[in-house]
Amino acid sequence: MPRKGLYVLPSLFTAGNLVSGFVSMIYSIEGNFNVAAWFIMLAIAFDMFDGRIARLTKTTSKFGMEFDSLCDLVSFGVAPAMLMYLMVLKNMDKVGIAIALLFVITCATRLAKFNVKAMEPVDTKKPTTDSFSGLPTPASAGIIGAFVLSYEIFDGSVLTAKTIPLLMKKMPFFFDAMPIIMVLISFLMVSNLPYSAFKKMKWSKPKSVQFFILVIVMLILIFSYPQNMFFIIFFGYALSGVIVYIIRYYRMKAILRKTHNKDGK
């Protein structure tokens, strides 16, 4: 049985997530959007570790799950929505408020659904999946935070940063499209589209080795172009669920067509 002190460790990381989200909102209010975005990224980092530490130390608990969801709502729901409202949506008046609220509401809905599902008894007969249903809230917040980091460079607010010229040329387009992107992200969070959780990687398999090499390359690129690469990674992850769904849909359609043709003979 784990020592009592170990139960505090995951909660400290979860609290770090909450603190980062709250500080992000303060910087958003002050108009320092670049720092606000970095604190959202820091909240994502804390969120990546709290659950893993809890499982590693065998200190998972219902309290930890509830505490984590409440902190996630602040850091990945309210903080990104406030950041986008003050930076982009404010000029849209009531429509901008509605888009920001939609983001927060769908974030809260997703977290509530996740908690309800986590409390359901585990069916050992069903095979476990390596995917999330719908876009995870940290990824949703990551898209917004990463966009702000890249746009602030384009806007001249951040002077010393390496960039990918092709992406930077598209920043005005993404700025204008962010209200629509926020709506799409909101619906992706409560959708049933599959998103990889990367939990079942077996590094002995050739595909896993290739994935490992890809991760190393990505890390090098992140180190070289941090702001731009964060945007590419989070945006690409959001698109991955849509792409996988379309591929599965057409595969299933092809299988049904073959079955129908066989039965018709």
Foldseek 3Di string as FASTA:
>chain_A
DFDPVLLVVLVVLLVLLLVLLVVLLVCLVVVNLLSSLVSLVSSLVSLVVSVVSCVVRVNDDLVSLVSNLVSLLRSLQLSLLSNCCSPALVVVPPLSVVLSVLRSVLSNVLSVVVSVVVPDDDDPVDDDDQWDFFDHSSLLSLLSSLLSNLVCCLVVVDPDFDDDVVVSVCSVVCSVCVSVVSNVNSVRSVHRQIAGNPPPQDCVDPVSVVVVVVVVVLVVVCVRHVSHSSNVVSVVRSVVSVVVVVVVVVVVVVVVVVVVVVVVD
